[in-house]
Amino acid sequence: MGQGRGWGHDPLGRGRQLARAEELTREARRRNDRLRPEWRSAEAYHDFGLRLTASELAELTGRIDDLVRPYIAMTRRDPPDDAEVALLRLLAFRYPEAP
């Protein structure tokens, strides 16, 4: 995420948020088979190995952020009556084992 967006500059806070997001992800995977079919097919669990520059990664995450912002639950005005809360995680970092 670009500077000024995302988890901020508190390493302990980021660690707690990451741990909570991991916990929520595991729980979502455990209950996936109990979801209504439309939610089961809408959920996505993807990892992509990308080859790009730092500036391309910044551009990509910025574009994704721009797409997501209108759907943020706390600020969305007039969502559809059947809208539910969903978690979308975006983690983008240089692969730690890359030379």
Protein backbone atom coordinates (compact mmCIF):
# COMPACT_ATOMS: atom_id res chain seq x y z
CA MET A 1 0.00 0.00 0.00
CA GLY A 2 1.19 3.48 -0.67
CA GLN A 3 2.52 5.60 2.13
CA GLY A 4 -0.31 7.19 4.04
CA ARG A 5 -2.69 4.34 3.22
CA GLY A 6 -3.10 1.05 4.95
CA TRP A 7 -1.78 0.18 8.39
CA GLY A 8 0.25 3.27 9.18
CA HIS A 9 3.59 3.36 10.95
CA ASP A 10 2.90 1.45 14.19
CA PRO A 11 4.76 -1.89 13.87
CA LEU A 12 2.95 -3.42 16.86
CA GLY A 13 -0.42 -2.32 15.52
CA ARG A 14 0.40 -3.72 12.09
CA GLY A 15 1.39 -7.02 13.66
CA ARG A 16 -1.86 -7.27 15.58
CA GLN A 17 -3.90 -6.35 12.50
CA LEU A 18 -2.06 -8.91 10.40
CA ALA A 19 -2.58 -11.62 13.02
CA ARG A 20 -6.30 -10.78 13.22
CA ALA A 21 -6.62 -10.82 9.43
CA GLU A 22 -4.94 -14.24 9.33
CA GLU A 23 -7.33 -15.50 12.02
CA LEU A 24 -10.34 -14.21 10.07
CA THR A 25 -9.03 -15.82 6.87
CA ARG A 26 -8.67 -19.22 8.56
CA GLU A 27 -12.19 -18.95 9.99
CA ALA A 28 -13.60 -17.98 6.59
CA ARG A 29 -11.97 -21.03 4.99
CA ARG A 30 -13.37 -23.30 7.73
CA ARG A 31 -16.95 -22.10 7.23
CA ASN A 32 -16.85 -21.73 3.43
CA ASP A 33 -18.90 -24.89 2.82
CA ARG A 34 -21.70 -23.49 5.02
CA LEU A 35 -22.14 -20.30 2.99
CA ARG A 36 -24.97 -19.64 0.60
CA PRO A 37 -23.87 -20.62 -2.93
CA GLU A 38 -23.61 -17.03 -4.21
CA TRP A 39 -21.19 -16.12 -1.40
CA ARG A 40 -19.25 -19.37 -1.76
CA SER A 41 -18.63 -18.66 -5.45
CA ALA A 42 -17.88 -14.97 -4.82
CA GLU A 43 -15.12 -15.61 -2.28
CA ALA A 44 -11.57 -15.72 -3.62
CA TYR A 45 -8.34 -16.96 -2.10
CA HIS A 46 -5.55 -16.12 -4.52
CA ASP A 47 -1.83 -15.59 -4.35
CA PHE A 48 0.00 -14.20 -7.36
CA GLY A 49 3.73 -14.16 -7.91
CA LEU A 50 4.34 -10.98 -9.86
CA ARG A 51 7.41 -9.74 -11.73
CA LEU A 52 7.42 -5.95 -11.67
CA THR A 53 9.30 -2.90 -10.52
CA ALA A 54 8.72 -1.05 -7.26
CA SER A 55 7.00 1.76 -9.14
CA GLU A 56 4.78 -0.72 -11.00
CA LEU A 57 3.81 -2.33 -7.68
CA ALA A 58 2.98 1.09 -6.22
CA GLU A 59 0.88 1.90 -9.29
CA LEU A 60 -0.91 -1.45 -9.16
CA THR A 61 -1.77 -1.21 -5.47
CA GLY A 62 -2.92 2.39 -5.97
CA ARG A 63 -5.24 1.33 -8.79
CA ILE A 64 -6.67 -1.51 -6.69
CA ASP A 65 -7.15 0.90 -3.79
CA ASP A 66 -9.05 3.27 -6.09
CA LEU A 67 -11.35 0.41 -7.17
CA VAL A 68 -12.03 -0.71 -3.59
CA ARG A 69 -12.61 2.65 -1.86
CA PRO A 70 -16.25 3.11 -3.01
CA TYR A 71 -17.15 -0.18 -1.25
CA ILE A 72 -15.58 0.52 2.16
CA ALA A 73 -18.30 -0.35 4.66
CA MET A 74 -17.76 2.56 7.03
CA THR A 75 -18.03 5.19 4.32
CA ARG A 76 -20.31 3.61 1.71
CA ARG A 77 -23.48 5.58 1.22
CA ASP A 78 -26.68 3.76 0.30
CA PRO A 79 -25.43 0.19 -0.18
CA PRO A 80 -27.91 -2.32 -1.64
CA ASP A 81 -30.36 -3.70 0.93
CA ASP A 82 -28.83 -7.17 0.69
CA ALA A 83 -25.22 -5.97 1.06
CA GLU A 84 -23.16 -7.79 3.69
CA VAL A 85 -19.79 -7.06 5.22
CA ALA A 86 -16.83 -8.72 3.50
CA LEU A 87 -13.09 -8.56 4.13
CA LEU A 88 -10.75 -7.81 1.25
CA ARG A 89 -7.06 -8.09 2.08
CA LEU A 90 -4.36 -6.62 -0.08
CA LEU A 91 -0.79 -7.54 0.76
CA ALA A 92 1.88 -6.51 -1.70
CA PHE A 93 5.58 -6.79 -0.91
CA ARG A 94 8.89 -7.73 -2.44
CA TYR A 95 9.31 -11.48 -2.05
CA PRO A 96 11.52 -11.93 1.05
CA GLU A 97 13.65 -14.69 -0.50
CA ALA A 98 14.39 -12.74 -3.70
CA PRO A 99 18.08 -11.93 -4.16
